[in-house]
Amino acid sequence: MRSGRAAGITVTRRGSLPWLKERRAGYDAVVVHGIWQYNSFGVWRALHKTDPPYFVFAHGMLDPWFNRTYPLKHLKKLLRWPWAEYRVLRDARVVLFTSEEERCLARESFPHYRCHEEVVNYGTAAPEIDLPGAREEFLTAFPALRAKGFFLFLGRIHEKKGCEELLRAFAALENSSMDLVMAGPSADEEYLQRLKRLTNEAGCAERITFTGMLTGSLKWGAFAAAEAFILPSHQENFGLAIVEALACGTPVLISKQVNIWREILADGCGFAEEDDLTGIRRLLARWRETSPVQGDKMSANARGCFAGRFEINQAVDSFLRVLEQGRSRGGDPEVAGGM
């Protein structure tokens, strides 16, 4: 691709169309992040059936979970779909997904779904930090955890993340010496207090630490100190915190509603179960039954999974490869979906 011809363009109103049309010849490709806003439809209006080609990153926005969970929003999307997003996806050179699971779920989202699909790597940079030092800093900040193994939840404290089910499953874990760390912010103070009351009522409050939001070395220290990271979300397109845990060599316990669960199982660096109470209890029990030797192997596999799939240079190479292939082949008549 020609150097110096990449730029970030914000398309927010109809006045952007003349700008795009006038300058499109100066670019090799346009990448649209997300759908359901004017930016995607605006790019379609400016670029369909022309050069340069445009590519769409779906970012989980075609997951049918949203249709079930937010029926009123789904109705609005159904009205918009035939004349906007259907065309945006149909005419994109490639629609990009970050996991095989996300691609499969997208096909169930809306009628007459039709597009060129590709799965690309997605990820982040490895932590540029002294992990043993960060681990010590975290344990100094939370000394009650120093002599204990613990599961780490790190993310938004939100119903979507399966927090309540996780606490109930943890409370039901018998004969366990493990603690649970709940790290992350909550925009809903009432929900956070409800979770804390639940731990008191279940008699496990002394084994659960709510740290609030962790950043910087404290965050990385939490990953490094944890025996396993757990994220039992009801819907998660990617889960950046999972990848950060892998970078630290921390095995991950996730629900099958996290779209990278197949990759985690394939690389042997974690377990995946359903996102209900039974599934989460099984996640915790399976880790408790894991021997130290098995745990060490999973830790090594976690680092390998990160390096091979999710390290940022792997993600960039994968992305650029799809852009180059998409540009060179032109409109491919073989697409996923129907009409």
C-alpha atoms as a PDB file:
ATOM      1  CA  MET A   1       0.000   0.000   0.000  1.00  0.00           C
ATOM      2  CA  ARG A   2       1.277   3.503  -0.734  1.00  0.00           C
ATOM      3  CA  SER A   3       2.991   5.039   2.265  1.00  0.00           C
ATOM      4  CA  GLY A   4       1.568   8.202   3.692  1.00  0.00           C
ATOM      5  CA  ARG A   5      -1.946   7.616   2.387  1.00  0.00           C
ATOM      6  CA  ALA A   6      -3.608   6.485   5.568  1.00  0.00           C
ATOM      7  CA  ALA A   7      -5.633   8.817   7.733  1.00  0.00           C
ATOM      8  CA  GLY A   8      -8.337   8.899  10.328  1.00  0.00           C
ATOM      9  CA  ILE A   9     -11.566  10.368   8.999  1.00  0.00           C
ATOM     10  CA  THR A  10     -14.608  11.067  11.145  1.00  0.00           C
ATOM     11  CA  VAL A  11     -17.827  10.893   9.147  1.00  0.00           C
ATOM     12  CA  THR A  12     -20.613  12.401  11.224  1.00  0.00           C
ATOM     13  CA  ARG A  13     -22.874  14.352   8.881  1.00  0.00           C
ATOM     14  CA  ARG A  14     -23.989  14.590   5.281  1.00  0.00           C
ATOM     15  CA  GLY A  15     -21.519  17.401   4.619  1.00  0.00           C
ATOM     16  CA  SER A  16     -18.740  14.818   4.816  1.00  0.00           C
ATOM     17  CA  LEU A  17     -19.854  13.190   1.543  1.00  0.00           C
ATOM     18  CA  PRO A  18     -18.402  15.817  -0.820  1.00  0.00           C
ATOM     19  CA  TRP A  19     -15.137  15.727   1.136  1.00  0.00           C
ATOM     20  CA  LEU A  20     -14.885  11.932   0.785  1.00  0.00           C
ATOM     21  CA  LYS A  21     -15.804  11.944  -2.883  1.00  0.00           C
ATOM     22  CA  GLU A  22     -13.287  14.678  -3.722  1.00  0.00           C
ATOM     23  CA  ARG A  23     -10.388  13.000  -1.919  1.00  0.00           C
ATOM     24  CA  ARG A  24     -11.071   9.286  -2.335  1.00  0.00           C
ATOM     25  CA  ALA A  25      -8.576   8.875  -5.178  1.00  0.00           C
ATOM     26  CA  GLY A  26      -5.766   9.730  -2.798  1.00  0.00           C
ATOM     27  CA  TYR A  27      -6.311   6.661  -0.604  1.00  0.00           C
ATOM     28  CA  ASP A  28      -5.685   2.972  -1.038  1.00  0.00           C
ATOM     29  CA  ALA A  29      -8.463   1.877   1.301  1.00  0.00           C
ATOM     30  CA  VAL A  30     -10.942   3.167   3.839  1.00  0.00           C
ATOM     31  CA  VAL A  31     -11.654   1.277   7.050  1.00  0.00           C
ATOM     32  CA  VAL A  32     -14.979   1.797   8.820  1.00  0.00           C
ATOM     33  CA  HIS A  33     -15.088   0.979  12.525  1.00  0.00           C
ATOM     34  CA  GLY A  34     -18.522  -0.200  13.613  1.00  0.00           C
ATOM     35  CA  ILE A  35     -21.994   0.094  12.155  1.00  0.00           C
ATOM     36  CA  TRP A  36     -25.425   1.497  13.133  1.00  0.00           C
ATOM     37  CA  GLN A  37     -24.171   5.090  12.982  1.00  0.00           C
ATOM     38  CA  TYR A  38     -23.993   7.540  10.107  1.00  0.00           C
ATOM     39  CA  ASN A  39     -20.265   6.930   9.576  1.00  0.00           C
ATOM     40  CA  SER A  40     -20.828   3.501   8.003  1.00  0.00           C
ATOM     41  CA  PHE A  41     -23.743   4.590   5.787  1.00  0.00           C
ATOM     42  CA  GLY A  42     -21.945   7.799   4.838  1.00  0.00           C
ATOM     43  CA  VAL A  43     -18.895   5.875   3.626  1.00  0.00           C
ATOM     44  CA  TRP A  44     -21.178   3.558   1.641  1.00  0.00           C
ATOM     45  CA  ARG A  45     -22.845   6.515  -0.053  1.00  0.00           C
ATOM     46  CA  ALA A  46     -19.489   8.005  -0.964  1.00  0.00           C
ATOM     47  CA  LEU A  47     -17.570   4.896  -1.998  1.00  0.00           C
ATOM     48  CA  HIS A  48     -19.758   1.995  -3.117  1.00  0.00           C
ATOM     49  CA  LYS A  49     -19.047   0.915  -6.711  1.00  0.00           C
ATOM     50  CA  THR A  50     -15.936   3.132  -6.740  1.00  0.00           C
ATOM     51  CA  ASP A  51     -12.279   3.017  -5.742  1.00  0.00           C
ATOM     52  CA  PRO A  52     -10.823   2.919  -3.177  1.00  0.00           C
ATOM     53  CA  PRO A  53     -12.507  -0.094  -1.575  1.00  0.00           C
ATOM     54  CA  TYR A  54     -13.800   0.184   1.934  1.00  0.00           C
ATOM     55  CA  PHE A  55     -13.546  -2.401   4.718  1.00  0.00           C
ATOM     56  CA  VAL A  56     -15.776  -2.700   7.788  1.00  0.00           C
ATOM     57  CA  PHE A  57     -14.662  -3.778  11.250  1.00  0.00           C
ATOM     58  CA  ALA A  58     -17.810  -5.198  12.859  1.00  0.00           C
ATOM     59  CA  HIS A  59     -16.521  -4.977  16.467  1.00  0.00           C
ATOM     60  CA  GLY A  60     -19.194  -7.363  17.754  1.00  0.00           C
ATOM     61  CA  MET A  61     -22.097  -5.190  16.621  1.00  0.00           C
ATOM     62  CA  LEU A  62     -23.753  -8.078  14.751  1.00  0.00           C
ATOM     63  CA  ASP A  63     -23.964 -10.343  17.786  1.00  0.00           C
ATOM     64  CA  PRO A  64     -27.561 -11.641  18.164  1.00  0.00           C
ATOM     65  CA  TRP A  65     -27.214 -11.296  21.952  1.00  0.00           C
ATOM     66  CA  PHE A  66     -28.008  -7.598  21.567  1.00  0.00           C
ATOM     67  CA  ASN A  67     -31.180  -8.428  19.633  1.00  0.00           C
ATOM     68  CA  ARG A  68     -32.447 -10.634  22.474  1.00  0.00           C
ATOM     69  CA  THR A  69     -31.347  -8.362  25.298  1.00  0.00           C
ATOM     70  CA  TYR A  70     -32.502  -5.013  23.874  1.00  0.00           C
ATOM     71  CA  PRO A  71     -35.676  -5.768  21.862  1.00  0.00           C
ATOM     72  CA  LEU A  72     -36.661  -2.111  21.359  1.00  0.00           C
ATOM     73  CA  LYS A  73     -33.244  -1.240  19.951  1.00  0.00           C
ATOM     74  CA  HIS A  74     -33.459  -4.350  17.798  1.00  0.00           C
ATOM     75  CA  LEU A  75     -36.739  -3.113  16.327  1.00  0.00           C
ATOM     76  CA  LYS A  76     -35.073   0.167  15.346  1.00  0.00           C
ATOM     77  CA  LYS A  77     -32.204  -1.754  13.778  1.00  0.00           C
ATOM     78  CA  LEU A  78     -34.615  -3.930  11.806  1.00  0.00           C
ATOM     79  CA  LEU A  79     -36.144  -0.800  10.312  1.00  0.00           C
ATOM     80  CA  ARG A  80     -32.716   0.552   9.398  1.00  0.00           C
ATOM     81  CA  TRP A  81     -31.202  -2.730   8.188  1.00  0.00           C
ATOM     82  CA  PRO A  82     -32.613  -3.066   4.601  1.00  0.00           C
ATOM     83  CA  TRP A  83     -31.727   0.393   3.375  1.00  0.00           C
ATOM     84  CA  ALA A  84     -28.514   1.058   5.331  1.00  0.00           C
ATOM     85  CA  GLU A  85     -26.429  -1.589   7.121  1.00  0.00           C
ATOM     86  CA  TYR A  86     -27.391  -4.414   4.746  1.00  0.00           C
ATOM     87  CA  ARG A  87     -25.981  -2.375   1.862  1.00  0.00           C
ATOM     88  CA  VAL A  88     -22.940  -1.279   3.858  1.00  0.00           C
ATOM     89  CA  LEU A  89     -21.954  -4.886   4.555  1.00  0.00           C
ATOM     90  CA  ARG A  90     -22.934  -6.249   1.135  1.00  0.00           C
ATOM     91  CA  ASP A  91     -20.784  -3.754  -0.757  1.00  0.00           C
ATOM     92  CA  ALA A  92     -17.772  -3.696   1.580  1.00  0.00           C
ATOM     93  CA  ARG A  93     -14.694  -5.294   0.064  1.00  0.00           C
ATOM     94  CA  VAL A  94     -14.319  -7.267   3.314  1.00  0.00           C
ATOM     95  CA  VAL A  95     -16.132  -7.313   6.664  1.00  0.00           C
ATOM     96  CA  LEU A  96     -13.601  -7.987   9.403  1.00  0.00           C
ATOM     97  CA  PHE A  97     -14.186 -10.151  12.486  1.00  0.00           C
ATOM     98  CA  THR A  98     -11.810 -10.782  15.361  1.00  0.00           C
ATOM     99  CA  SER A  99     -12.732 -14.427  15.982  1.00  0.00           C
ATOM    100  CA  GLU A 100     -14.358 -17.352  14.228  1.00  0.00           C
ATOM    101  CA  GLU A 101     -17.162 -17.271  16.809  1.00  0.00           C
ATOM    102  CA  GLU A 102     -17.964 -13.630  16.027  1.00  0.00           C
ATOM    103  CA  ARG A 103     -18.166 -14.463  12.323  1.00  0.00           C
ATOM    104  CA  CYS A 104     -20.522 -17.400  12.922  1.00  0.00           C
ATOM    105  CA  LEU A 105     -22.791 -15.406  15.222  1.00  0.00           C
ATOM    106  CA  ALA A 106     -23.054 -12.530  12.747  1.00  0.00           C
ATOM    107  CA  ARG A 107     -24.725 -14.850  10.243  1.00  0.00           C
ATOM    108  CA  GLU A 108     -27.615 -15.284  12.699  1.00  0.00           C
ATOM    109  CA  SER A 109     -28.176 -11.587  13.296  1.00  0.00           C
ATOM    110  CA  PHE A 110     -30.383 -10.167  10.504  1.00  0.00           C
ATOM    111  CA  PRO A 111     -32.299 -11.427   7.441  1.00  0.00           C
ATOM    112  CA  HIS A 112     -30.559 -11.634   4.070  1.00  0.00           C
ATOM    113  CA  TYR A 113     -27.153 -11.161   5.675  1.00  0.00           C
ATOM    114  CA  ARG A 114     -24.612 -11.022   2.846  1.00  0.00           C
ATOM    115  CA  CYS A 115     -20.959  -9.986   2.868  1.00  0.00           C
ATOM    116  CA  HIS A 116     -17.348 -10.961   2.226  1.00  0.00           C
ATOM    117  CA  GLU A 117     -15.974 -12.210   5.564  1.00  0.00           C
ATOM    118  CA  GLU A 118     -12.470 -12.477   6.985  1.00  0.00           C
ATOM    119  CA  VAL A 119     -11.213 -13.190  10.506  1.00  0.00           C
ATOM    120  CA  VAL A 120      -8.186 -11.094  11.491  1.00  0.00           C
ATOM    121  CA  ASN A 121      -6.014 -11.183  14.566  1.00  0.00           C
ATOM    122  CA  TYR A 122      -6.692  -8.548  17.171  1.00  0.00           C
ATOM    123  CA  GLY A 123      -4.621  -7.777  20.210  1.00  0.00           C
ATOM    124  CA  THR A 124      -2.390  -5.515  22.214  1.00  0.00           C
ATOM    125  CA  ALA A 125       1.248  -4.932  23.106  1.00  0.00           C
ATOM    126  CA  ALA A 126       3.018  -7.036  25.705  1.00  0.00           C
ATOM    127  CA  PRO A 127       3.402  -5.211  29.032  1.00  0.00           C
ATOM    128  CA  GLU A 128       6.656  -3.260  29.150  1.00  0.00           C
ATOM    129  CA  ILE A 129       6.994  -3.626  32.885  1.00  0.00           C
ATOM    130  CA  ASP A 130       8.850  -5.668  35.472  1.00  0.00           C
ATOM    131  CA  LEU A 131       6.117  -8.198  36.261  1.00  0.00           C
ATOM    132  CA  PRO A 132       7.707  -9.586  39.472  1.00  0.00           C
ATOM    133  CA  GLY A 133       8.081  -6.016  40.720  1.00  0.00           C
ATOM    134  CA  ALA A 134       4.493  -5.192  39.775  1.00  0.00           C
ATOM    135  CA  ARG A 135       3.318  -8.361  41.517  1.00  0.00           C
ATOM    136  CA  GLU A 136       5.095  -7.274  44.704  1.00  0.00           C
ATOM    137  CA  GLU A 137       3.572  -3.793  44.446  1.00  0.00           C
ATOM    138  CA  PHE A 138       0.086  -5.266  44.149  1.00  0.00           C
ATOM    139  CA  LEU A 139       0.581  -7.611  47.136  1.00  0.00           C
ATOM    140  CA  THR A 140       1.958  -4.726  49.192  1.00  0.00           C
ATOM    141  CA  ALA A 141      -1.178  -2.726  48.387  1.00  0.00           C
ATOM    142  CA  PHE A 142      -3.409  -5.711  49.304  1.00  0.00           C
ATOM    143  CA  PRO A 143      -1.386  -7.613  51.932  1.00  0.00           C
ATOM    144  CA  ALA A 144      -4.254  -9.953  52.892  1.00  0.00           C
ATOM    145  CA  LEU A 145      -3.781 -11.662  49.524  1.00  0.00           C
ATOM    146  CA  ARG A 146      -0.071 -12.319  49.905  1.00  0.00           C
ATOM    147  CA  ALA A 147      -0.334 -15.833  51.323  1.00  0.00           C
ATOM    148  CA  LYS A 148      -3.391 -16.853  49.305  1.00  0.00           C
ATOM    149  CA  GLY A 149      -4.139 -18.023  45.804  1.00  0.00           C
ATOM    150  CA  PHE A 150      -6.903 -16.034  44.163  1.00  0.00           C
ATOM    151  CA  PHE A 151      -9.079 -15.797  41.077  1.00  0.00           C
ATOM    152  CA  LEU A 152      -8.981 -12.394  39.400  1.00  0.00           C
ATOM    153  CA  PHE A 153     -11.940 -10.685  37.758  1.00  0.00           C
ATOM    154  CA  LEU A 154     -10.798  -7.442  36.124  1.00  0.00           C
ATOM    155  CA  GLY A 155     -13.224  -5.353  34.137  1.00  0.00           C
ATOM    156  CA  ARG A 156     -16.367  -3.276  34.472  1.00  0.00           C
ATOM    157  CA  ILE A 157     -18.537  -4.294  37.405  1.00  0.00           C
ATOM    158  CA  HIS A 158     -21.664  -4.764  35.308  1.00  0.00           C
ATOM    159  CA  GLU A 159     -24.501  -7.253  34.907  1.00  0.00           C
ATOM    160  CA  LYS A 160     -23.309  -8.102  31.390  1.00  0.00           C
ATOM    161  CA  LYS A 161     -20.045  -9.423  32.820  1.00  0.00           C
ATOM    162  CA  GLY A 162     -21.740 -12.128  34.896  1.00  0.00           C
ATOM    163  CA  CYS A 163     -20.614 -10.618  38.204  1.00  0.00           C
ATOM    164  CA  GLU A 164     -23.568 -11.772  40.285  1.00  0.00           C
ATOM    165  CA  GLU A 165     -23.381 -15.335  38.972  1.00  0.00           C
ATOM    166  CA  LEU A 166     -19.637 -15.357  39.630  1.00  0.00           C
ATOM    167  CA  LEU A 167     -20.118 -14.339  43.262  1.00  0.00           C
ATOM    168  CA  ARG A 168     -22.815 -16.960  43.801  1.00  0.00           C
ATOM    169  CA  ALA A 169     -20.676 -19.646  42.176  1.00  0.00           C
ATOM    170  CA  PHE A 170     -17.663 -18.658  44.262  1.00  0.00           C
ATOM    171  CA  ALA A 171     -19.713 -18.726  47.459  1.00  0.00           C
ATOM    172  CA  ALA A 172     -20.831 -22.270  46.603  1.00  0.00           C
ATOM    173  CA  LEU A 173     -17.273 -23.529  45.986  1.00  0.00           C
ATOM    174  CA  GLU A 174     -16.681 -26.100  48.710  1.00  0.00           C
ATOM    175  CA  ASN A 175     -13.419 -26.776  50.553  1.00  0.00           C
ATOM    176  CA  SER A 176     -11.549 -24.031  48.747  1.00  0.00           C
ATOM    177  CA  SER A 177      -8.726 -21.941  50.121  1.00  0.00           C
ATOM    178  CA  MET A 178      -8.906 -19.582  47.144  1.00  0.00           C
ATOM    179  CA  ASP A 179      -9.933 -15.938  47.341  1.00  0.00           C
ATOM    180  CA  LEU A 180     -11.611 -13.843  44.658  1.00  0.00           C
ATOM    181  CA  VAL A 181     -10.503 -10.366  43.615  1.00  0.00           C
ATOM    182  CA  MET A 182     -13.105  -8.168  41.904  1.00  0.00           C
ATOM    183  CA  ALA A 183     -11.141  -5.376  40.248  1.00  0.00           C
ATOM    184  CA  GLY A 184     -12.808  -2.685  38.204  1.00  0.00           C
ATOM    185  CA  PRO A 185     -15.035   0.377  38.214  1.00  0.00           C
ATOM    186  CA  SER A 186     -18.806   0.419  38.475  1.00  0.00           C
ATOM    187  CA  ALA A 187     -20.924   3.159  36.981  1.00  0.00           C
ATOM    188  CA  ASP A 188     -23.888   1.863  39.001  1.00  0.00           C
ATOM    189  CA  GLU A 189     -23.243   2.272  42.718  1.00  0.00           C
ATOM    190  CA  GLU A 190     -26.503   0.564  43.603  1.00  0.00           C
ATOM    191  CA  TYR A 191     -25.472  -2.542  41.646  1.00  0.00           C
ATOM    192  CA  LEU A 192     -22.061  -2.578  43.337  1.00  0.00           C
ATOM    193  CA  GLN A 193     -23.643  -2.379  46.787  1.00  0.00           C
ATOM    194  CA  ARG A 194     -26.025  -5.185  45.841  1.00  0.00           C
ATOM    195  CA  LEU A 195     -23.060  -7.387  45.009  1.00  0.00           C
ATOM    196  CA  LYS A 196     -21.403  -6.593  48.314  1.00  0.00           C
ATOM    197  CA  ARG A 197     -24.601  -7.415  50.196  1.00  0.00           C
ATOM    198  CA  LEU A 198     -24.725 -10.705  48.321  1.00  0.00           C
ATOM    199  CA  THR A 199     -21.251 -11.627  49.571  1.00  0.00           C
ATOM    200  CA  ASN A 200     -22.294 -10.868  53.160  1.00  0.00           C
ATOM    201  CA  GLU A 201     -25.479 -12.889  52.859  1.00  0.00           C
ATOM    202  CA  ALA A 202     -23.543 -15.807  51.344  1.00  0.00           C
ATOM    203  CA  GLY A 203     -20.984 -15.730  54.142  1.00  0.00           C
ATOM    204  CA  CYS A 204     -17.966 -15.270  51.887  1.00  0.00           C
ATOM    205  CA  ALA A 205     -17.263 -11.535  52.220  1.00  0.00           C
ATOM    206  CA  GLU A 206     -13.953 -12.158  53.986  1.00  0.00           C
ATOM    207  CA  ARG A 207     -12.706 -14.092  50.934  1.00  0.00           C
ATOM    208  CA  ILE A 208     -13.644 -11.456  48.331  1.00  0.00           C
ATOM    209  CA  THR A 209     -11.695  -8.241  47.757  1.00  0.00           C
ATOM    210  CA  PHE A 210     -13.226  -5.347  45.822  1.00  0.00           C
ATOM    211  CA  THR A 211     -10.258  -3.229  44.734  1.00  0.00           C
ATOM    212  CA  GLY A 212     -11.940  -0.628  42.565  1.00  0.00           C
ATOM    213  CA  MET A 213     -10.299   0.251  39.264  1.00  0.00           C
ATOM    214  CA  LEU A 214      -6.665  -0.832  38.889  1.00  0.00           C
ATOM    215  CA  THR A 215      -4.320   0.848  36.414  1.00  0.00           C
ATOM    216  CA  GLY A 216      -0.659   0.781  35.534  1.00  0.00           C
ATOM    217  CA  SER A 217       1.641  -1.439  37.567  1.00  0.00           C
ATOM    218  CA  LEU A 218      -1.134  -2.366  40.015  1.00  0.00           C
ATOM    219  CA  LYS A 219      -3.194  -3.801  37.172  1.00  0.00           C
ATOM    220  CA  TRP A 220      -0.299  -5.795  35.767  1.00  0.00           C
ATOM    221  CA  GLY A 221       0.658  -6.884  39.273  1.00  0.00           C
ATOM    222  CA  ALA A 222      -2.852  -8.266  39.804  1.00  0.00           C
ATOM    223  CA  PHE A 223      -2.558 -10.317  36.609  1.00  0.00           C
ATOM    224  CA  ALA A 224       0.872 -11.590  37.635  1.00  0.00           C
ATOM    225  CA  ALA A 225      -0.204 -12.510  41.185  1.00  0.00           C
ATOM    226  CA  ALA A 226      -3.462 -14.279  40.266  1.00  0.00           C
ATOM    227  CA  GLU A 227      -3.621 -18.038  39.862  1.00  0.00           C
ATOM    228  CA  ALA A 228      -6.236 -17.642  37.130  1.00  0.00           C
ATOM    229  CA  PHE A 229      -8.197 -14.860  35.464  1.00  0.00           C
ATOM    230  CA  ILE A 230     -11.976 -15.295  35.211  1.00  0.00           C
ATOM    231  CA  LEU A 231     -14.478 -13.543  32.953  1.00  0.00           C
ATOM    232  CA  PRO A 232     -17.920 -15.220  32.782  1.00  0.00           C
ATOM    233  CA  SER A 233     -19.520 -12.586  30.549  1.00  0.00           C
ATOM    234  CA  HIS A 234     -22.943 -13.020  28.995  1.00  0.00           C
ATOM    235  CA  GLN A 235     -21.580 -11.371  25.821  1.00  0.00           C
ATOM    236  CA  GLU A 236     -18.028 -10.385  24.980  1.00  0.00           C
ATOM    237  CA  ASN A 237     -16.817  -9.818  21.453  1.00  0.00           C
ATOM    238  CA  PHE A 238     -13.127 -10.055  22.285  1.00  0.00           C
ATOM    239  CA  GLY A 239     -12.152  -9.380  25.889  1.00  0.00           C
ATOM    240  CA  LEU A 240      -8.947  -7.323  25.994  1.00  0.00           C
ATOM    241  CA  ALA A 241      -8.393  -8.162  29.671  1.00  0.00           C
ATOM    242  CA  ILE A 242      -8.243 -11.848  28.697  1.00  0.00           C
ATOM    243  CA  VAL A 243      -5.428 -11.117  26.276  1.00  0.00           C
ATOM    244  CA  GLU A 244      -3.620  -9.050  28.907  1.00  0.00           C
ATOM    245  CA  ALA A 245      -3.852 -11.986  31.304  1.00  0.00           C
ATOM    246  CA  LEU A 246      -2.386 -14.293  28.640  1.00  0.00           C
ATOM    247  CA  ALA A 247       0.509 -11.870  28.141  1.00  0.00           C
ATOM    248  CA  CYS A 248       1.322 -12.317  31.835  1.00  0.00           C
ATOM    249  CA  GLY A 249       1.153 -16.109  31.610  1.00  0.00           C
ATOM    250  CA  THR A 250      -2.080 -16.272  33.586  1.00  0.00           C
ATOM    251  CA  PRO A 251      -4.528 -19.036  32.564  1.00  0.00           C
ATOM    252  CA  VAL A 252      -8.049 -17.830  31.799  1.00  0.00           C
ATOM    253  CA  LEU A 253     -11.488 -19.159  32.777  1.00  0.00           C
ATOM    254  CA  ILE A 254     -14.170 -17.754  30.512  1.00  0.00           C
ATOM    255  CA  SER A 255     -17.716 -18.308  29.345  1.00  0.00           C
ATOM    256  CA  LYS A 256     -18.523 -19.557  25.867  1.00  0.00           C
ATOM    257  CA  GLN A 257     -20.208 -16.216  25.288  1.00  0.00           C
ATOM    258  CA  VAL A 258     -16.716 -14.702  25.046  1.00  0.00           C
ATOM    259  CA  ASN A 259     -16.058 -14.964  21.336  1.00  0.00           C
ATOM    260  CA  ILE A 260     -12.408 -16.048  21.558  1.00  0.00           C
ATOM    261  CA  TRP A 261     -13.220 -19.131  23.650  1.00  0.00           C
ATOM    262  CA  ARG A 262     -12.414 -21.505  20.790  1.00  0.00           C
ATOM    263  CA  GLU A 263      -8.925 -20.062  20.457  1.00  0.00           C
ATOM    264  CA  ILE A 264      -8.365 -20.362  24.218  1.00  0.00           C
ATOM    265  CA  LEU A 265      -9.318 -24.040  24.217  1.00  0.00           C
ATOM    266  CA  ALA A 266      -7.320 -24.784  21.073  1.00  0.00           C
ATOM    267  CA  ASP A 267      -4.152 -23.425  22.681  1.00  0.00           C
ATOM    268  CA  GLY A 268      -4.740 -25.132  26.041  1.00  0.00           C
ATOM    269  CA  CYS A 269      -4.440 -21.987  28.134  1.00  0.00           C
ATOM    270  CA  GLY A 270      -7.817 -21.999  29.894  1.00  0.00           C
ATOM    271  CA  PHE A 271     -11.284 -23.445  30.310  1.00  0.00           C
ATOM    272  CA  ALA A 272     -14.630 -22.357  28.853  1.00  0.00           C
ATOM    273  CA  GLU A 273     -18.143 -23.182  30.059  1.00  0.00           C
ATOM    274  CA  GLU A 274     -21.639 -21.715  29.771  1.00  0.00           C
ATOM    275  CA  ASP A 275     -22.380 -18.332  31.341  1.00  0.00           C
ATOM    276  CA  ASP A 276     -24.955 -19.593  33.857  1.00  0.00           C
ATOM    277  CA  LEU A 277     -24.444 -20.488  37.508  1.00  0.00           C
ATOM    278  CA  THR A 278     -23.780 -24.150  36.730  1.00  0.00           C
ATOM    279  CA  GLY A 279     -21.204 -23.300  34.094  1.00  0.00           C
ATOM    280  CA  ILE A 280     -19.345 -20.838  36.299  1.00  0.00           C
ATOM    281  CA  ARG A 281     -19.290 -23.266  39.217  1.00  0.00           C
ATOM    282  CA  ARG A 282     -17.785 -25.794  36.847  1.00  0.00           C
ATOM    283  CA  LEU A 283     -15.099 -23.310  35.759  1.00  0.00           C
ATOM    284  CA  LEU A 284     -14.041 -22.762  39.350  1.00  0.00           C
ATOM    285  CA  ALA A 285     -14.160 -26.466  40.187  1.00  0.00           C
ATOM    286  CA  ARG A 286     -12.112 -27.396  37.122  1.00  0.00           C
ATOM    287  CA  TRP A 287      -9.386 -24.987  38.150  1.00  0.00           C
ATOM    288  CA  ARG A 288      -9.399 -26.315  41.705  1.00  0.00           C
ATOM    289  CA  GLU A 289      -8.872 -29.807  40.262  1.00  0.00           C
ATOM    290  CA  THR A 290      -5.948 -28.653  38.114  1.00  0.00           C
ATOM    291  CA  SER A 291      -2.600 -29.905  39.395  1.00  0.00           C
ATOM    292  CA  PRO A 292       0.387 -27.545  39.803  1.00  0.00           C
ATOM    293  CA  VAL A 293       2.097 -29.266  36.860  1.00  0.00           C
ATOM    294  CA  GLN A 294      -0.974 -28.758  34.673  1.00  0.00           C
ATOM    295  CA  GLY A 295      -1.235 -25.177  35.855  1.00  0.00           C
ATOM    296  CA  ASP A 296       2.390 -24.496  34.897  1.00  0.00           C
ATOM    297  CA  LYS A 297       1.757 -25.944  31.433  1.00  0.00           C
ATOM    298  CA  MET A 298      -1.336 -23.775  30.993  1.00  0.00           C
ATOM    299  CA  SER A 299       0.695 -20.736  32.040  1.00  0.00           C
ATOM    300  CA  ALA A 300       3.312 -21.488  29.382  1.00  0.00           C
ATOM    301  CA  ASN A 301       0.537 -22.067  26.850  1.00  0.00           C
ATOM    302  CA  ALA A 302      -0.967 -18.704  27.787  1.00  0.00           C
ATOM    303  CA  ARG A 303       2.230 -16.899  26.840  1.00  0.00           C
ATOM    304  CA  GLY A 304       2.406 -18.886  23.607  1.00  0.00           C
ATOM    305  CA  CYS A 305      -1.207 -18.087  22.765  1.00  0.00           C
ATOM    306  CA  PHE A 306      -0.574 -14.381  23.276  1.00  0.00           C
ATOM    307  CA  ALA A 307       2.600 -14.382  21.192  1.00  0.00           C
ATOM    308  CA  GLY A 308       1.060 -16.379  18.350  1.00  0.00           C
ATOM    309  CA  ARG A 309      -2.383 -14.813  18.122  1.00  0.00           C
ATOM    310  CA  PHE A 310      -2.781 -11.569  20.029  1.00  0.00           C
ATOM    311  CA  GLU A 311       0.545  -9.732  20.208  1.00  0.00           C
ATOM    312  CA  ILE A 312       0.109  -6.389  18.484  1.00  0.00           C
ATOM    313  CA  ASN A 313       2.559  -7.047  15.627  1.00  0.00           C
ATOM    314  CA  GLN A 314       0.729 -10.267  14.796  1.00  0.00           C
ATOM    315  CA  ALA A 315      -2.526  -8.303  14.734  1.00  0.00           C
ATOM    316  CA  VAL A 316      -1.092  -5.589  12.471  1.00  0.00           C
ATOM    317  CA  ASP A 317       0.383  -8.135  10.046  1.00  0.00           C
ATOM    318  CA  SER A 318      -2.918 -10.003   9.870  1.00  0.00           C
ATOM    319  CA  PHE A 319      -4.861  -6.794   9.270  1.00  0.00           C
ATOM    320  CA  LEU A 320      -2.529  -5.528   6.540  1.00  0.00           C
ATOM    321  CA  ARG A 321      -2.541  -8.914   4.837  1.00  0.00           C
ATOM    322  CA  VAL A 322      -6.346  -8.861   4.565  1.00  0.00           C
ATOM    323  CA  LEU A 323      -6.293  -5.283   3.244  1.00  0.00           C
ATOM    324  CA  GLU A 324      -3.748  -6.167   0.568  1.00  0.00           C
ATOM    325  CA  GLN A 325      -5.588  -9.321  -0.480  1.00  0.00           C
ATOM    326  CA  GLY A 326      -8.917  -7.493  -0.530  1.00  0.00           C
ATOM    327  CA  ARG A 327      -7.568  -4.673  -2.698  1.00  0.00           C
ATOM    328  CA  SER A 328      -5.842  -6.976  -5.156  1.00  0.00           C
ATOM    329  CA  ARG A 329      -8.705  -9.375  -5.769  1.00  0.00           C
ATOM    330  CA  GLY A 330     -11.435  -6.804  -6.378  1.00  0.00           C
ATOM    331  CA  GLY A 331     -15.068  -7.679  -5.755  1.00  0.00           C
ATOM    332  CA  ASP A 332     -15.205 -11.409  -5.012  1.00  0.00           C
ATOM    333  CA  PRO A 333     -18.540 -12.926  -6.044  1.00  0.00           C
ATOM    334  CA  GLU A 334     -18.383 -15.609  -3.339  1.00  0.00           C
ATOM    335  CA  VAL A 335     -19.903 -14.126  -0.231  1.00  0.00           C
ATOM    336  CA  ALA A 336     -21.468 -15.446   2.954  1.00  0.00           C
ATOM    337  CA  GLY A 337     -25.207 -15.176   3.294  1.00  0.00           C
ATOM    338  CA  GLY A 338     -28.154 -15.019   1.034  1.00  0.00           C
ATOM    339  CA  MET A 339     -29.497 -12.632  -1.560  1.00  0.00           C
END
